[in-house]
């Protein structure tokens, strides 16, 4: 099973920062812009609430291991429990969390955030799919979701992750078989689009609004 949860950034009150640990709050404080801090707060608050629901633990007691599995540094994909994988994204006024029993990555983008496709991020076949920024944003979320699932981020050239629709065609050498990944386009409120990438059979992919989780803790 795979779930994707989303909330509007402004629906997450600042008081829910109490659910975060000292490391989370230090990362928030390092962000220079208030809007970036609000997005990060919304995303990581939602992540804690969703993972608490899956793991049956209090959200404020979750601990994240950020050891990179590739180099051993502390910038890796966070892990809360070996039995569950999760991924976080935020853009504009949207925060998104995907959680799964399989390796998972999620990305969301604002289709109005730019004017033209970012061609350096695209393979030659993908450039033909991207006639405007809205179509580029859709393709970009597919590529970024795969990179987040792999835990590789900016260490891999996005143009080397090649897609055709929701089919992953190729990956750089050493990153596995592209046929192992399933990509699902996600429906979010306009103007946002998203994709979740799952390594293996994801079963049912369910998209849920996180307002009930936020409201339940807002009232405590």
N, C-alpha and C. Protein backbone atom coordinates (compact mmCIF):
# COMPACT_ATOMS: atom_id res chain seq x y z
N UNK A 1 0.84 -1.19 0.00
CA UNK A 1 0.00 0.00 0.00
C UNK A 1 0.88 1.25 0.00
N UNK A 2 0.44 2.26 -0.73
CA UNK A 2 1.13 3.54 -0.79
C UNK A 2 0.11 4.65 -0.60
N UNK A 3 0.42 5.59 0.28
CA UNK A 3 -0.45 6.74 0.51
C UNK A 3 0.30 8.03 0.20
N UNK A 4 -0.42 8.98 -0.37
CA UNK A 4 0.09 10.33 -0.59
C UNK A 4 -0.84 11.30 0.12
N UNK A 5 -0.28 12.12 0.99
CA UNK A 5 -1.05 13.10 1.77
C UNK A 5 -0.60 14.49 1.39
N UNK A 6 -1.54 15.44 1.35
CA UNK A 6 -1.17 16.82 1.05
C UNK A 6 -1.99 17.78 1.89
N UNK A 7 -1.40 18.97 2.14
CA UNK A 7 -2.08 20.04 2.85
C UNK A 7 -1.64 21.38 2.27
N UNK A 8 -2.47 22.39 2.47
CA UNK A 8 -2.06 23.76 2.17
C UNK A 8 -1.11 24.22 3.26
N UNK A 9 -0.02 24.87 2.87
CA UNK A 9 0.98 25.30 3.83
C UNK A 9 0.37 26.18 4.92
N UNK A 10 -0.50 27.10 4.54
CA UNK A 10 -1.06 28.04 5.52
C UNK A 10 -2.06 27.40 6.46
N UNK A 11 -2.42 26.13 6.22
CA UNK A 11 -3.36 25.46 7.12
C UNK A 11 -2.65 24.83 8.32
N UNK A 12 -1.32 24.86 8.33
CA UNK A 12 -0.54 24.25 9.41
C UNK A 12 -0.09 25.37 10.36
N UNK A 13 -0.67 25.45 11.56
CA UNK A 13 -0.32 26.54 12.48
C UNK A 13 1.09 26.41 13.00
N UNK A 14 1.70 27.54 13.29
CA UNK A 14 3.08 27.56 13.78
C UNK A 14 3.24 26.78 15.08
N UNK A 15 2.15 26.70 15.87
CA UNK A 15 2.22 26.00 17.14
C UNK A 15 2.52 24.52 17.01
N UNK A 16 2.27 23.95 15.81
CA UNK A 16 2.56 22.52 15.63
C UNK A 16 4.05 22.25 15.50
N UNK A 17 4.85 23.30 15.51
CA UNK A 17 6.31 23.09 15.58
C UNK A 17 6.69 22.34 16.85
N UNK A 18 5.79 22.31 17.83
CA UNK A 18 6.04 21.56 19.06
C UNK A 18 6.19 20.06 18.79
N UNK A 19 5.68 19.58 17.65
CA UNK A 19 5.81 18.17 17.30
C UNK A 19 7.21 17.84 16.79
N UNK A 20 7.96 18.86 16.39
CA UNK A 20 9.28 18.63 15.81
C UNK A 20 10.33 18.43 16.89
N UNK A 21 11.45 17.83 16.51
CA UNK A 21 12.54 17.69 17.48
C UNK A 21 13.54 18.84 17.30
N UNK A 22 14.57 18.87 18.11
CA UNK A 22 15.53 19.97 18.07
C UNK A 22 16.21 20.06 16.71
N UNK A 23 16.52 18.92 16.12
CA UNK A 23 17.17 18.94 14.81
C UNK A 23 16.27 19.53 13.74
N UNK A 24 14.98 19.16 13.77
CA UNK A 24 14.02 19.72 12.83
C UNK A 24 13.97 21.24 12.96
N UNK A 25 13.89 21.71 14.19
CA UNK A 25 13.77 23.15 14.41
C UNK A 25 15.05 23.90 14.01
N UNK A 26 16.20 23.27 14.22
CA UNK A 26 17.45 23.89 13.78
C UNK A 26 17.48 24.02 12.27
N UNK A 27 16.98 23.01 11.55
CA UNK A 27 16.95 23.09 10.09
C UNK A 27 15.99 24.19 9.64
N UNK A 28 14.87 24.34 10.34
CA UNK A 28 13.95 25.44 10.02
C UNK A 28 14.63 26.78 10.22
N UNK A 29 15.33 26.93 11.32
CA UNK A 29 15.96 28.22 11.65
C UNK A 29 17.04 28.60 10.64
N UNK A 30 17.63 27.60 9.98
CA UNK A 30 18.68 27.91 9.01
C UNK A 30 18.12 28.45 7.69
N UNK A 31 16.82 28.32 7.48
CA UNK A 31 16.20 28.83 6.26
C UNK A 31 16.03 30.34 6.38
N UNK A 32 16.53 31.07 5.41
CA UNK A 32 16.55 32.53 5.51
C UNK A 32 15.17 33.16 5.34
N UNK A 33 14.35 32.60 4.47
CA UNK A 33 13.06 33.23 4.16
C UNK A 33 11.93 32.62 4.98
N UNK A 34 11.07 33.47 5.50
CA UNK A 34 9.96 33.00 6.33
C UNK A 34 9.07 32.04 5.57
N UNK A 35 8.85 32.30 4.27
CA UNK A 35 7.96 31.43 3.49
C UNK A 35 8.56 30.04 3.35
N UNK A 36 9.87 29.95 3.21
CA UNK A 36 10.52 28.64 3.14
C UNK A 36 10.38 27.91 4.47
N UNK A 37 10.49 28.64 5.58
CA UNK A 37 10.31 28.01 6.89
C UNK A 37 8.89 27.48 7.04
N UNK A 38 7.90 28.24 6.55
CA UNK A 38 6.51 27.79 6.65
C UNK A 38 6.28 26.52 5.83
N UNK A 39 6.87 26.46 4.64
CA UNK A 39 6.71 25.26 3.80
C UNK A 39 7.35 24.04 4.47
N UNK A 40 8.55 24.23 5.00
CA UNK A 40 9.24 23.12 5.64
C UNK A 40 8.49 22.66 6.89
N UNK A 41 7.99 23.61 7.67
CA UNK A 41 7.20 23.25 8.85
C UNK A 41 5.99 22.43 8.46
N UNK A 42 5.27 22.87 7.43
CA UNK A 42 4.07 22.14 7.00
C UNK A 42 4.41 20.72 6.55
N UNK A 43 5.48 20.60 5.75
CA UNK A 43 5.84 19.29 5.22
C UNK A 43 6.27 18.33 6.32
N UNK A 44 7.10 18.80 7.25
CA UNK A 44 7.61 17.89 8.27
C UNK A 44 6.61 17.64 9.38
N UNK A 45 5.71 18.57 9.62
CA UNK A 45 4.61 18.30 10.54
C UNK A 45 3.71 17.22 9.95
N UNK A 46 3.36 17.38 8.67
CA UNK A 46 2.53 16.36 8.01
C UNK A 46 3.24 15.01 7.99
N UNK A 47 4.54 15.01 7.72
CA UNK A 47 5.28 13.74 7.70
C UNK A 47 5.19 13.03 9.04
N UNK A 48 5.37 13.78 10.12
CA UNK A 48 5.29 13.16 11.45
C UNK A 48 3.89 12.61 11.73
N UNK A 49 2.87 13.35 11.34
CA UNK A 49 1.51 12.90 11.61
C UNK A 49 1.15 11.66 10.79
N UNK A 50 1.58 11.63 9.53
CA UNK A 50 1.30 10.47 8.68
C UNK A 50 2.07 9.25 9.17
N UNK A 51 3.36 9.42 9.48
CA UNK A 51 4.16 8.30 9.95
C UNK A 51 3.67 7.80 11.30
N UNK A 52 3.21 8.71 12.17
CA UNK A 52 2.66 8.30 13.46
C UNK A 52 1.45 7.40 13.26
N UNK A 53 0.65 7.73 12.26
CA UNK A 53 -0.54 6.93 11.94
C UNK A 53 -0.14 5.54 11.45
N UNK A 54 0.88 5.47 10.62
CA UNK A 54 1.35 4.18 10.10
C UNK A 54 2.03 3.34 11.17
N UNK A 55 2.85 3.98 11.99
CA UNK A 55 3.68 3.25 12.94
C UNK A 55 3.07 3.13 14.32
N UNK A 56 1.91 3.79 14.52
CA UNK A 56 1.22 3.76 15.81
C UNK A 56 2.14 4.26 16.93
N UNK A 57 2.76 5.42 16.69
CA UNK A 57 3.62 6.05 17.69
C UNK A 57 3.25 7.53 17.80
N UNK A 58 3.51 8.17 18.92
CA UNK A 58 3.28 9.62 19.02
C UNK A 58 4.17 10.35 18.03
N UNK A 59 3.64 11.32 17.30
CA UNK A 59 4.45 12.00 16.27
C UNK A 59 5.67 12.70 16.82
N UNK A 60 5.57 13.24 18.04
CA UNK A 60 6.69 13.98 18.61
C UNK A 60 7.82 13.06 19.07
N UNK A 61 7.57 11.74 19.11
CA UNK A 61 8.60 10.80 19.55
C UNK A 61 9.31 10.10 18.39
N UNK A 62 8.94 10.43 17.18
CA UNK A 62 9.62 9.84 16.04
C UNK A 62 11.03 10.41 15.90
N UNK A 63 11.98 9.56 15.56
CA UNK A 63 13.36 9.98 15.34
C UNK A 63 13.76 9.58 13.93
N UNK A 64 14.51 10.45 13.26
CA UNK A 64 14.89 10.22 11.87
C UNK A 64 16.39 10.01 11.74
N UNK A 65 16.75 8.94 11.05
CA UNK A 65 18.14 8.67 10.72
C UNK A 65 18.40 9.26 9.33
N UNK A 66 19.30 10.23 9.23
CA UNK A 66 19.60 10.89 7.97
C UNK A 66 20.97 10.48 7.42
N UNK A 67 21.46 9.32 7.79
CA UNK A 67 22.74 8.84 7.27
C UNK A 67 22.59 8.48 5.79
N UNK A 68 23.42 9.06 4.94
CA UNK A 68 23.38 8.75 3.51
C UNK A 68 23.87 7.32 3.28
N UNK A 69 23.05 6.52 2.61
CA UNK A 69 23.44 5.13 2.38
C UNK A 69 24.50 5.00 1.30
N UNK A 70 24.82 6.11 0.63
CA UNK A 70 25.82 6.08 -0.43
C UNK A 70 27.20 6.54 0.05
N UNK A 71 27.23 7.54 0.96
CA UNK A 71 28.53 8.06 1.39
C UNK A 71 28.70 8.11 2.90
N UNK A 72 27.63 7.85 3.67
CA UNK A 72 27.73 7.82 5.12
C UNK A 72 27.62 9.17 5.80
N UNK A 73 27.46 10.26 5.03
CA UNK A 73 27.30 11.60 5.62
C UNK A 73 25.86 11.77 6.12
N UNK A 74 25.61 12.91 6.76
CA UNK A 74 24.32 13.12 7.40
C UNK A 74 23.28 13.82 6.56
N UNK A 75 23.39 13.68 5.23
CA UNK A 75 22.46 14.36 4.34
C UNK A 75 21.57 13.37 3.59
N UNK A 76 21.44 12.16 4.09
CA UNK A 76 20.71 11.13 3.36
C UNK A 76 19.21 11.25 3.47
N UNK A 77 18.54 10.38 2.74
CA UNK A 77 17.08 10.31 2.80
C UNK A 77 16.67 9.87 4.20
N UNK A 78 15.83 10.64 4.89
CA UNK A 78 15.49 10.29 6.28
C UNK A 78 14.73 8.97 6.39
N UNK A 79 15.01 8.25 7.46
CA UNK A 79 14.34 6.98 7.75
C UNK A 79 13.80 7.05 9.18
N UNK A 80 12.51 6.77 9.33
CA UNK A 80 11.90 6.74 10.66
C UNK A 80 11.79 5.32 11.20
N UNK A 81 11.60 4.35 10.29
CA UNK A 81 11.46 2.94 10.67
C UNK A 81 11.82 2.11 9.44
N UNK A 82 12.61 1.04 9.59
CA UNK A 82 13.00 0.26 8.41
C UNK A 82 11.83 -0.35 7.65
N UNK A 83 10.68 -0.51 8.30
CA UNK A 83 9.53 -1.16 7.66
C UNK A 83 8.75 -0.21 6.75
N UNK A 84 9.03 1.09 6.84
CA UNK A 84 8.24 2.09 6.11
C UNK A 84 9.18 3.09 5.46
N UNK A 85 8.93 3.40 4.19
CA UNK A 85 9.68 4.44 3.52
C UNK A 85 8.77 5.64 3.30
N UNK A 86 9.36 6.83 3.27
CA UNK A 86 8.55 8.02 3.03
C UNK A 86 9.36 9.06 2.28
N UNK A 87 8.65 10.03 1.72
CA UNK A 87 9.27 11.10 0.95
C UNK A 87 8.45 12.36 1.12
N UNK A 88 9.12 13.51 1.07
CA UNK A 88 8.50 14.81 1.34
C UNK A 88 8.75 15.75 0.18
N UNK A 89 7.75 16.57 -0.14
CA UNK A 89 7.91 17.61 -1.14
C UNK A 89 7.09 18.83 -0.73
N UNK A 90 7.54 20.01 -1.13
CA UNK A 90 6.71 21.20 -0.92
C UNK A 90 7.03 22.22 -2.00
N UNK A 91 6.02 22.93 -2.41
CA UNK A 91 6.15 23.95 -3.45
C UNK A 91 5.00 24.92 -3.32
N UNK A 92 5.26 26.20 -3.50
CA UNK A 92 4.19 27.18 -3.41
C UNK A 92 3.45 27.09 -2.09
N UNK A 93 2.16 26.81 -2.15
CA UNK A 93 1.33 26.67 -0.94
C UNK A 93 0.95 25.22 -0.69
N UNK A 94 1.75 24.29 -1.18
CA UNK A 94 1.40 22.87 -1.06
C UNK A 94 2.54 22.10 -0.40
N UNK A 95 2.18 21.25 0.57
CA UNK A 95 3.13 20.32 1.20
C UNK A 95 2.61 18.91 0.99
N UNK A 96 3.50 17.99 0.63
CA UNK A 96 3.11 16.63 0.24
C UNK A 96 4.01 15.62 0.93
N UNK A 97 3.41 14.50 1.36
CA UNK A 97 4.16 13.39 1.95
C UNK A 97 3.66 12.09 1.32
N UNK A 98 4.58 11.25 0.88
CA UNK A 98 4.23 9.90 0.43
C UNK A 98 4.82 8.90 1.40
N UNK A 99 4.06 7.84 1.70
CA UNK A 99 4.53 6.80 2.60
C UNK A 99 4.14 5.45 2.02
N UNK A 100 5.04 4.47 2.15
CA UNK A 100 4.81 3.18 1.50
C UNK A 100 5.58 2.08 2.21
N UNK A 101 5.15 0.86 1.98
CA UNK A 101 5.91 -0.32 2.42
C UNK A 101 7.09 -0.58 1.49
N UNK A 102 7.14 0.14 0.36
CA UNK A 102 8.22 0.01 -0.62
C UNK A 102 9.00 1.31 -0.68
N UNK A 103 10.14 1.27 -1.36
CA UNK A 103 10.92 2.49 -1.59
C UNK A 103 10.08 3.48 -2.38
N UNK A 104 10.01 4.72 -1.92
CA UNK A 104 9.08 5.68 -2.51
C UNK A 104 9.74 7.05 -2.62
N UNK A 105 9.33 7.80 -3.63
CA UNK A 105 9.72 9.20 -3.78
C UNK A 105 8.55 9.99 -4.31
N UNK A 106 8.40 11.22 -3.87
CA UNK A 106 7.28 12.05 -4.34
C UNK A 106 7.80 13.44 -4.66
N UNK A 107 7.20 14.05 -5.68
CA UNK A 107 7.53 15.43 -5.99
C UNK A 107 6.27 16.15 -6.46
N UNK A 108 6.19 17.43 -6.13
CA UNK A 108 5.09 18.29 -6.56
C UNK A 108 5.67 19.58 -7.10
N UNK A 109 5.03 20.15 -8.10
CA UNK A 109 5.48 21.39 -8.69
C UNK A 109 4.29 22.29 -9.02
N UNK A 110 4.56 23.59 -9.03
CA UNK A 110 3.58 24.60 -9.42
C UNK A 110 3.71 24.83 -10.92
N UNK A 111 2.66 24.56 -11.68
CA UNK A 111 2.74 24.67 -13.14
C UNK A 111 2.85 26.11 -13.62
N UNK A 112 2.66 27.07 -12.72
CA UNK A 112 2.75 28.48 -13.09
C UNK A 112 4.03 29.13 -12.58
N UNK A 113 4.96 28.34 -12.07
CA UNK A 113 6.15 28.91 -11.42
C UNK A 113 7.20 29.40 -12.41
N UNK A 114 7.11 29.02 -13.68
CA UNK A 114 8.08 29.46 -14.68
C UNK A 114 7.40 29.75 -16.00
N UNK A 115 8.18 30.19 -16.96
CA UNK A 115 7.63 30.56 -18.26
C UNK A 115 7.97 29.57 -19.36
N UNK A 116 9.17 29.00 -19.29
CA UNK A 116 9.60 28.09 -20.35
C UNK A 116 10.22 26.84 -19.73
N UNK A 117 10.20 25.72 -20.46
CA UNK A 117 10.83 24.50 -19.95
C UNK A 117 12.31 24.70 -19.68
N UNK A 118 12.80 24.00 -18.66
CA UNK A 118 14.23 24.04 -18.32
C UNK A 118 14.90 22.92 -19.11
N UNK A 119 15.41 23.27 -20.29
CA UNK A 119 15.82 22.23 -21.24
C UNK A 119 17.01 21.40 -20.77
N UNK A 120 17.91 21.98 -19.94
CA UNK A 120 19.07 21.20 -19.52
C UNK A 120 18.68 20.00 -18.66
N UNK A 121 17.48 20.03 -18.09
CA UNK A 121 17.03 18.93 -17.23
C UNK A 121 16.37 17.81 -18.02
N UNK A 122 16.23 17.99 -19.33
CA UNK A 122 15.46 17.06 -20.14
C UNK A 122 16.35 16.28 -21.10
N UNK A 123 15.96 15.02 -21.34
CA UNK A 123 16.58 14.25 -22.40
C UNK A 123 15.98 14.71 -23.74
N UNK A 124 16.59 14.29 -24.82
CA UNK A 124 16.07 14.68 -26.14
C UNK A 124 14.61 14.23 -26.33
N UNK A 125 14.25 12.97 -26.01
CA UNK A 125 12.85 12.57 -26.18
C UNK A 125 11.89 13.40 -25.33
N UNK A 126 12.32 13.78 -24.13
CA UNK A 126 11.43 14.52 -23.24
C UNK A 126 11.20 15.95 -23.72
N UNK A 127 12.18 16.52 -24.41
CA UNK A 127 12.01 17.90 -24.90
C UNK A 127 10.82 18.01 -25.84
N UNK A 128 10.55 16.93 -26.59
CA UNK A 128 9.41 16.95 -27.50
C UNK A 128 8.08 16.94 -26.74
N UNK A 129 8.10 16.44 -25.49
CA UNK A 129 6.87 16.40 -24.69
C UNK A 129 6.57 17.74 -24.03
N UNK A 130 7.56 18.61 -23.93
CA UNK A 130 7.45 19.81 -23.11
C UNK A 130 7.35 21.06 -23.98
N UNK A 131 6.13 21.39 -24.35
CA UNK A 131 5.90 22.55 -25.20
C UNK A 131 5.74 23.83 -24.40
N UNK A 132 5.46 23.72 -23.09
CA UNK A 132 5.30 24.88 -22.23
C UNK A 132 5.74 24.50 -20.82
N UNK A 133 5.69 25.47 -19.90
CA UNK A 133 6.18 25.19 -18.56
C UNK A 133 5.29 24.18 -17.82
N UNK A 134 3.98 24.24 -18.08
CA UNK A 134 3.08 23.30 -17.40
C UNK A 134 3.41 21.85 -17.76
N UNK A 135 3.69 21.58 -19.02
CA UNK A 135 4.05 20.21 -19.41
C UNK A 135 5.44 19.85 -18.89
N UNK A 136 6.35 20.82 -18.82
CA UNK A 136 7.66 20.56 -18.22
C UNK A 136 7.52 20.18 -16.75
N UNK A 137 6.67 20.93 -16.02
CA UNK A 137 6.50 20.65 -14.59
C UNK A 137 6.05 19.22 -14.36
N UNK A 138 5.16 18.72 -15.22
CA UNK A 138 4.69 17.33 -15.09
C UNK A 138 5.85 16.35 -15.31
N UNK A 139 6.63 16.56 -16.36
CA UNK A 139 7.77 15.66 -16.63
C UNK A 139 8.80 15.75 -15.50
N UNK A 140 9.04 16.96 -15.02
CA UNK A 140 10.03 17.15 -13.96
C UNK A 140 9.63 16.38 -12.69
N UNK A 141 8.35 16.39 -12.32
CA UNK A 141 7.95 15.68 -11.11
C UNK A 141 8.20 14.18 -11.24
N UNK A 142 8.06 13.65 -12.44
CA UNK A 142 8.31 12.21 -12.63
C UNK A 142 9.79 11.90 -12.39
N UNK A 143 10.66 12.72 -12.95
CA UNK A 143 12.09 12.51 -12.79
C UNK A 143 12.52 12.71 -11.34
N UNK A 144 12.03 13.79 -10.73
CA UNK A 144 12.43 14.12 -9.37
C UNK A 144 11.91 13.07 -8.38
N UNK A 145 10.72 12.53 -8.61
CA UNK A 145 10.19 11.49 -7.73
C UNK A 145 11.09 10.25 -7.75
N UNK A 146 11.59 9.90 -8.93
CA UNK A 146 12.51 8.75 -9.04
C UNK A 146 13.80 9.04 -8.28
N UNK A 147 14.36 10.24 -8.47
CA UNK A 147 15.61 10.59 -7.79
C UNK A 147 15.44 10.60 -6.27
N UNK A 148 14.28 11.05 -5.80
CA UNK A 148 14.02 11.04 -4.36
C UNK A 148 13.89 9.61 -3.84
N UNK A 149 13.25 8.75 -4.62
CA UNK A 149 13.16 7.34 -4.20
C UNK A 149 14.55 6.72 -4.09
N UNK A 150 15.43 7.08 -5.02
CA UNK A 150 16.79 6.54 -5.01
C UNK A 150 17.66 7.17 -3.93
N UNK A 151 17.21 8.31 -3.39
CA UNK A 151 18.01 9.00 -2.39
C UNK A 151 19.26 9.65 -2.97
N UNK A 152 19.19 10.03 -4.26
CA UNK A 152 20.38 10.56 -4.92
C UNK A 152 20.31 12.07 -5.16
N UNK A 153 19.11 12.63 -5.32
CA UNK A 153 18.98 14.07 -5.45
C UNK A 153 19.87 14.66 -6.53
N UNK A 154 20.61 15.74 -6.16
CA UNK A 154 21.39 16.50 -7.14
C UNK A 154 22.67 15.80 -7.57
N UNK A 155 22.95 14.62 -7.04
CA UNK A 155 24.17 13.91 -7.45
C UNK A 155 24.00 13.24 -8.81
N UNK A 156 22.80 13.22 -9.36
CA UNK A 156 22.52 12.62 -10.66
C UNK A 156 21.96 13.69 -11.59
N UNK A 157 22.43 13.73 -12.83
CA UNK A 157 21.88 14.68 -13.81
C UNK A 157 20.45 14.31 -14.13
N UNK A 158 19.50 15.23 -13.95
CA UNK A 158 18.10 14.91 -14.25
C UNK A 158 17.90 14.42 -15.69
N UNK A 159 18.69 14.94 -16.63
CA UNK A 159 18.53 14.53 -18.02
C UNK A 159 18.86 13.05 -18.23
N UNK A 160 19.60 12.45 -17.28
CA UNK A 160 19.95 11.03 -17.40
C UNK A 160 18.87 10.11 -16.86
N UNK A 161 17.84 10.69 -16.26
CA UNK A 161 16.65 9.92 -15.84
C UNK A 161 15.60 10.17 -16.90
N UNK A 162 15.36 9.19 -17.76
CA UNK A 162 14.55 9.40 -18.96
C UNK A 162 13.18 8.75 -18.79
N UNK A 163 12.14 9.53 -19.04
CA UNK A 163 10.77 9.03 -18.92
C UNK A 163 10.02 9.21 -20.23
N UNK A 164 8.96 8.43 -20.36
CA UNK A 164 7.99 8.63 -21.43
C UNK A 164 6.63 8.44 -20.81
N UNK A 165 5.93 9.54 -20.58
CA UNK A 165 4.71 9.45 -19.79
C UNK A 165 5.07 8.94 -18.40
N UNK A 166 4.31 7.99 -17.90
CA UNK A 166 4.60 7.43 -16.58
C UNK A 166 5.45 6.16 -16.66
N UNK A 167 6.17 5.99 -17.74
CA UNK A 167 7.11 4.88 -17.89
C UNK A 167 8.53 5.40 -17.72
N UNK A 168 9.28 4.78 -16.83
CA UNK A 168 10.70 5.11 -16.66
C UNK A 168 11.50 4.29 -17.66
N UNK A 169 12.15 4.99 -18.60
CA UNK A 169 12.85 4.31 -19.68
C UNK A 169 14.28 3.94 -19.33
N UNK A 170 14.99 4.85 -18.65
CA UNK A 170 16.39 4.54 -18.35
C UNK A 170 16.88 5.33 -17.15
N UNK A 171 17.91 4.75 -16.50
CA UNK A 171 18.61 5.35 -15.38
C UNK A 171 20.10 5.32 -15.67
N UNK A 172 20.88 6.18 -15.02
CA UNK A 172 22.33 6.09 -15.18
C UNK A 172 22.84 4.73 -14.69
N UNK A 173 23.96 4.28 -15.19
CA UNK A 173 24.52 2.99 -14.76
C UNK A 173 24.70 2.94 -13.25
N UNK A 174 24.39 1.78 -12.68
CA UNK A 174 24.58 1.57 -11.25
C UNK A 174 23.40 1.94 -10.38
N UNK A 175 22.34 2.50 -10.97
CA UNK A 175 21.19 2.91 -10.18
C UNK A 175 20.01 1.95 -10.29
N UNK A 176 20.22 0.82 -10.92
CA UNK A 176 19.18 -0.19 -10.94
C UNK A 176 18.44 -0.27 -12.26
N UNK A 177 17.47 -1.16 -12.29
CA UNK A 177 16.68 -1.43 -13.48
C UNK A 177 15.47 -0.49 -13.50
N UNK A 178 15.31 0.33 -14.52
CA UNK A 178 14.15 1.24 -14.56
C UNK A 178 12.82 0.51 -14.54
N UNK A 179 12.81 -0.75 -14.98
CA UNK A 179 11.56 -1.50 -14.97
C UNK A 179 11.07 -1.83 -13.57
N UNK A 180 11.93 -1.63 -12.56
CA UNK A 180 11.53 -1.88 -11.18
C UNK A 180 10.63 -0.78 -10.62
N UNK A 181 10.54 0.36 -11.32
CA UNK A 181 9.81 1.50 -10.80
C UNK A 181 8.43 1.63 -11.42
N UNK A 182 7.47 1.99 -10.58
CA UNK A 182 6.13 2.34 -11.04
C UNK A 182 5.89 3.81 -10.74
N UNK A 183 5.47 4.57 -11.76
CA UNK A 183 5.20 6.00 -11.60
C UNK A 183 3.70 6.26 -11.70
N UNK A 184 3.19 7.08 -10.77
CA UNK A 184 1.79 7.46 -10.77
C UNK A 184 1.69 8.99 -10.76
N UNK A 185 1.03 9.56 -11.76
CA UNK A 185 0.74 10.98 -11.72
C UNK A 185 -0.33 11.25 -10.67
N UNK A 186 -0.19 12.37 -9.97
CA UNK A 186 -1.08 12.70 -8.86
C UNK A 186 -1.93 13.92 -9.20
N UNK A 187 -3.16 13.92 -8.71
CA UNK A 187 -4.06 15.05 -8.89
C UNK A 187 -4.08 15.89 -7.61
N UNK A 188 -3.62 17.12 -7.72
CA UNK A 188 -3.65 18.08 -6.62
C UNK A 188 -4.49 19.29 -7.06
N UNK A 189 -4.83 20.15 -6.12
CA UNK A 189 -5.55 21.36 -6.52
C UNK A 189 -4.72 22.19 -7.51
N UNK A 190 -5.39 22.79 -8.49
CA UNK A 190 -4.73 23.68 -9.44
C UNK A 190 -4.01 24.81 -8.69
N UNK A 191 -2.78 25.15 -9.06
CA UNK A 191 -2.03 24.81 -10.28
C UNK A 191 -0.96 23.74 -10.06
N UNK A 192 -1.14 22.85 -9.10
CA UNK A 192 -0.08 21.91 -8.73
C UNK A 192 -0.26 20.56 -9.42
N UNK A 193 0.88 19.96 -9.77
CA UNK A 193 0.90 18.59 -10.28
C UNK A 193 1.94 17.82 -9.48
N UNK A 194 1.86 16.50 -9.53
CA UNK A 194 2.81 15.70 -8.78
C UNK A 194 2.92 14.30 -9.32
N UNK A 195 3.95 13.60 -8.86
CA UNK A 195 4.17 12.19 -9.22
C UNK A 195 4.72 11.47 -8.00
N UNK A 196 4.28 10.23 -7.81
CA UNK A 196 4.89 9.35 -6.83
C UNK A 196 5.55 8.21 -7.58
N UNK A 197 6.80 7.90 -7.21
CA UNK A 197 7.55 6.79 -7.80
C UNK A 197 7.76 5.73 -6.73
N UNK A 198 7.44 4.49 -7.06
CA UNK A 198 7.55 3.39 -6.11
C UNK A 198 8.39 2.29 -6.73
N UNK A 199 9.34 1.80 -5.96
CA UNK A 199 10.17 0.69 -6.43
C UNK A 199 9.50 -0.61 -6.02
N UNK A 200 9.05 -1.37 -7.00
CA UNK A 200 8.29 -2.58 -6.70
C UNK A 200 6.82 -2.36 -6.97
N UNK A 201 6.01 -3.28 -6.53
CA UNK A 201 4.56 -3.20 -6.74
C UNK A 201 3.94 -2.37 -5.62
N UNK A 202 3.43 -1.17 -5.92
CA UNK A 202 2.94 -0.30 -4.85
C UNK A 202 1.57 -0.68 -4.32
N UNK A 203 0.91 -1.65 -4.98
CA UNK A 203 -0.47 -1.91 -4.61
C UNK A 203 -1.33 -0.70 -4.93
N UNK A 204 -2.31 -0.44 -4.11
CA UNK A 204 -3.17 0.72 -4.32
C UNK A 204 -2.46 1.99 -3.90
N UNK A 205 -2.54 3.03 -4.73
CA UNK A 205 -2.01 4.35 -4.40
C UNK A 205 -3.20 5.24 -4.07
N UNK A 206 -3.24 5.71 -2.83
CA UNK A 206 -4.35 6.53 -2.34
C UNK A 206 -3.85 7.94 -2.06
N UNK A 207 -4.59 8.93 -2.54
CA UNK A 207 -4.27 10.34 -2.28
C UNK A 207 -5.26 10.87 -1.25
N UNK A 208 -4.75 11.47 -0.17
CA UNK A 208 -5.60 11.93 0.92
C UNK A 208 -5.25 13.37 1.29
N UNK A 209 -6.28 14.11 1.69
CA UNK A 209 -6.06 15.46 2.21
C UNK A 209 -5.72 15.35 3.69
N UNK A 210 -4.69 16.07 4.13
CA UNK A 210 -4.21 15.94 5.50
C UNK A 210 -4.89 16.83 6.51
N UNK A 211 -5.97 17.51 6.13
CA UNK A 211 -6.61 18.46 7.04
C UNK A 211 -7.10 17.80 8.32
N UNK A 212 -7.58 16.55 8.21
CA UNK A 212 -8.09 15.88 9.42
C UNK A 212 -6.97 15.62 10.42
N UNK A 213 -5.79 15.27 9.91
CA UNK A 213 -4.64 15.05 10.81
C UNK A 213 -4.21 16.35 11.46
N UNK A 214 -4.15 17.41 10.67
CA UNK A 214 -3.74 18.71 11.20
C UNK A 214 -4.76 19.21 12.22
N UNK A 215 -6.04 19.13 11.89
CA UNK A 215 -7.08 19.65 12.78
C UNK A 215 -7.12 18.90 14.10
N UNK A 216 -6.87 17.58 14.05
CA UNK A 216 -6.91 16.80 15.29
C UNK A 216 -5.85 17.26 16.27
N UNK A 217 -4.69 17.70 15.77
CA UNK A 217 -3.63 18.17 16.66
C UNK A 217 -3.73 19.66 16.94
N UNK A 218 -4.38 20.40 16.06
CA UNK A 218 -4.57 21.82 16.29
C UNK A 218 -5.44 22.04 17.53
N UNK A 219 -6.37 21.11 17.79
CA UNK A 219 -7.33 21.27 18.87
C UNK A 219 -6.82 20.75 20.20
N UNK A 220 -5.64 20.15 20.23
CA UNK A 220 -5.13 19.59 21.49
C UNK A 220 -4.58 20.68 22.38
